[in-house]
Amino acid sequence: FITVVLALGLGFVAYGLSIALYVRAQRDLGAAKTSAYYAVAPFVGMVLGWILYSDALQPSFWIALTLMLGGTAILVHHELNS
């Protein structure tokens, strides 16, 4: 029973609350700024995971980080210049 309650709580926070906050940000900040902030989320997750788990950074990490940075730069540049 506790597993179901925890799963529902995780779903509420990870999906429901994030959608509500995203819609509010769209309204308050506008599409360009919201997209720019939203694009930063994977980097925040990466840094938190690295801090919490203290794993050694493998070569595949640096490749993935380069791709993420490139994609984010393209997105932010496109959104801010639209």
C-alpha atoms as a PDB file:
ATOM      1  CA  PHE A   1       0.000   0.000   0.000  1.00  0.00           C
ATOM      2  CA  ILE A   2       2.775   2.435   0.892  1.00  0.00           C
ATOM      3  CA  THR A   3       4.426   1.815  -2.486  1.00  0.00           C
ATOM      4  CA  VAL A   4       1.249   2.860  -4.280  1.00  0.00           C
ATOM      5  CA  VAL A   5       0.968   6.010  -2.181  1.00  0.00           C
ATOM      6  CA  LEU A   6       4.610   6.890  -2.866  1.00  0.00           C
ATOM      7  CA  ALA A   7       4.148   6.270  -6.591  1.00  0.00           C
ATOM      8  CA  LEU A   8       1.077   8.519  -6.648  1.00  0.00           C
ATOM      9  CA  GLY A   9       2.982  11.222  -4.782  1.00  0.00           C
ATOM     10  CA  LEU A  10       5.882  10.991  -7.203  1.00  0.00           C
ATOM     11  CA  GLY A  11       3.506  11.201 -10.151  1.00  0.00           C
ATOM     12  CA  PHE A  12       1.821  14.246  -8.672  1.00  0.00           C
ATOM     13  CA  VAL A  13       5.113  16.078  -8.163  1.00  0.00           C
ATOM     14  CA  ALA A  14       6.972  14.905 -11.258  1.00  0.00           C
ATOM     15  CA  TYR A  15       4.106  15.286 -13.718  1.00  0.00           C
ATOM     16  CA  GLY A  16       1.144  17.163 -12.313  1.00  0.00           C
ATOM     17  CA  LEU A  17       2.971  19.911 -10.457  1.00  0.00           C
ATOM     18  CA  SER A  18       5.532  20.393 -13.226  1.00  0.00           C
ATOM     19  CA  ILE A  19       2.785  20.877 -15.825  1.00  0.00           C
ATOM     20  CA  ALA A  20       0.969  23.371 -13.612  1.00  0.00           C
ATOM     21  CA  LEU A  21       4.161  25.343 -13.014  1.00  0.00           C
ATOM     22  CA  TYR A  22       5.059  25.229 -16.713  1.00  0.00           C
ATOM     23  CA  VAL A  23       1.668  26.641 -17.712  1.00  0.00           C
ATOM     24  CA  ARG A  24       1.966  29.380 -15.096  1.00  0.00           C
ATOM     25  CA  ALA A  25       5.457  30.244 -16.336  1.00  0.00           C
ATOM     26  CA  GLN A  26       4.142  30.447 -19.895  1.00  0.00           C
ATOM     27  CA  ARG A  27       1.551  32.944 -18.743  1.00  0.00           C
ATOM     28  CA  ASP A  28       3.833  35.019 -16.503  1.00  0.00           C
ATOM     29  CA  LEU A  29       7.173  34.894 -18.368  1.00  0.00           C
ATOM     30  CA  GLY A  30       6.217  34.257 -21.965  1.00  0.00           C
ATOM     31  CA  ALA A  31       7.188  31.433 -24.286  1.00  0.00           C
ATOM     32  CA  ALA A  32      10.813  32.423 -24.967  1.00  0.00           C
ATOM     33  CA  LYS A  33      11.917  32.772 -21.349  1.00  0.00           C
ATOM     34  CA  THR A  34       9.975  29.706 -20.251  1.00  0.00           C
ATOM     35  CA  SER A  35      11.613  27.610 -22.975  1.00  0.00           C
ATOM     36  CA  ALA A  36      15.046  28.896 -22.028  1.00  0.00           C
ATOM     37  CA  TYR A  37      14.536  28.019 -18.368  1.00  0.00           C
ATOM     38  CA  TYR A  38      12.978  24.667 -19.256  1.00  0.00           C
ATOM     39  CA  ALA A  39      16.018  23.828 -21.387  1.00  0.00           C
ATOM     40  CA  VAL A  40      18.260  24.185 -18.328  1.00  0.00           C
ATOM     41  CA  ALA A  41      16.442  21.417 -16.392  1.00  0.00           C
ATOM     42  CA  PRO A  42      18.567  18.494 -17.701  1.00  0.00           C
ATOM     43  CA  PHE A  43      21.722  20.262 -16.536  1.00  0.00           C
ATOM     44  CA  VAL A  44      20.310  20.807 -13.065  1.00  0.00           C
ATOM     45  CA  GLY A  45      19.407  17.116 -12.907  1.00  0.00           C
ATOM     46  CA  MET A  46      22.879  16.139 -14.088  1.00  0.00           C
ATOM     47  CA  VAL A  47      24.628  18.281 -11.473  1.00  0.00           C
ATOM     48  CA  LEU A  48      22.350  17.024  -8.685  1.00  0.00           C
ATOM     49  CA  GLY A  49      22.910  13.405  -9.737  1.00  0.00           C
ATOM     50  CA  TRP A  50      26.658  13.918  -9.855  1.00  0.00           C
ATOM     51  CA  ILE A  51      26.666  15.534  -6.398  1.00  0.00           C
ATOM     52  CA  LEU A  52      24.363  12.943  -4.822  1.00  0.00           C
ATOM     53  CA  TYR A  53      25.988   9.834  -6.283  1.00  0.00           C
ATOM     54  CA  SER A  54      29.619  11.026  -6.632  1.00  0.00           C
ATOM     55  CA  ASP A  55      30.207   8.897  -9.713  1.00  0.00           C
ATOM     56  CA  ALA A  56      33.334   9.268 -11.803  1.00  0.00           C
ATOM     57  CA  LEU A  57      32.622  11.112 -15.045  1.00  0.00           C
ATOM     58  CA  GLN A  58      33.032   8.713 -17.971  1.00  0.00           C
ATOM     59  CA  PRO A  59      33.933   9.711 -21.563  1.00  0.00           C
ATOM     60  CA  SER A  60      30.318   9.076 -22.595  1.00  0.00           C
ATOM     61  CA  PHE A  61      29.284  11.747 -20.082  1.00  0.00           C
ATOM     62  CA  TRP A  62      31.398  14.369 -21.822  1.00  0.00           C
ATOM     63  CA  ILE A  63      29.970  13.393 -25.221  1.00  0.00           C
ATOM     64  CA  ALA A  64      26.417  13.607 -23.882  1.00  0.00           C
ATOM     65  CA  LEU A  65      27.152  16.915 -22.140  1.00  0.00           C
ATOM     66  CA  THR A  66      28.510  18.381 -25.378  1.00  0.00           C
ATOM     67  CA  LEU A  67      25.371  17.297 -27.254  1.00  0.00           C
ATOM     68  CA  MET A  68      23.113  18.680 -24.521  1.00  0.00           C
ATOM     69  CA  LEU A  69      24.927  22.014 -24.488  1.00  0.00           C
ATOM     70  CA  GLY A  70      24.772  22.261 -28.271  1.00  0.00           C
ATOM     71  CA  GLY A  71      21.062  21.484 -28.371  1.00  0.00           C
ATOM     72  CA  THR A  72      20.316  23.897 -25.570  1.00  0.00           C
ATOM     73  CA  ALA A  73      22.325  26.660 -27.226  1.00  0.00           C
ATOM     74  CA  ILE A  74      20.426  26.167 -30.480  1.00  0.00           C
ATOM     75  CA  LEU A  75      17.073  26.180 -28.674  1.00  0.00           C
ATOM     76  CA  VAL A  76      17.820  29.260 -26.605  1.00  0.00           C
ATOM     77  CA  HIS A  77      19.285  31.154 -29.569  1.00  0.00           C
ATOM     78  CA  HIS A  78      16.275  30.294 -31.725  1.00  0.00           C
ATOM     79  CA  GLU A  79      13.712  31.166 -29.040  1.00  0.00           C
ATOM     80  CA  LEU A  80      15.322  34.451 -28.069  1.00  0.00           C
ATOM     81  CA  ASN A  81      15.707  35.560 -31.686  1.00  0.00           C
ATOM     82  CA  SER A  82      12.167  34.680 -32.759  1.00  0.00           C
END
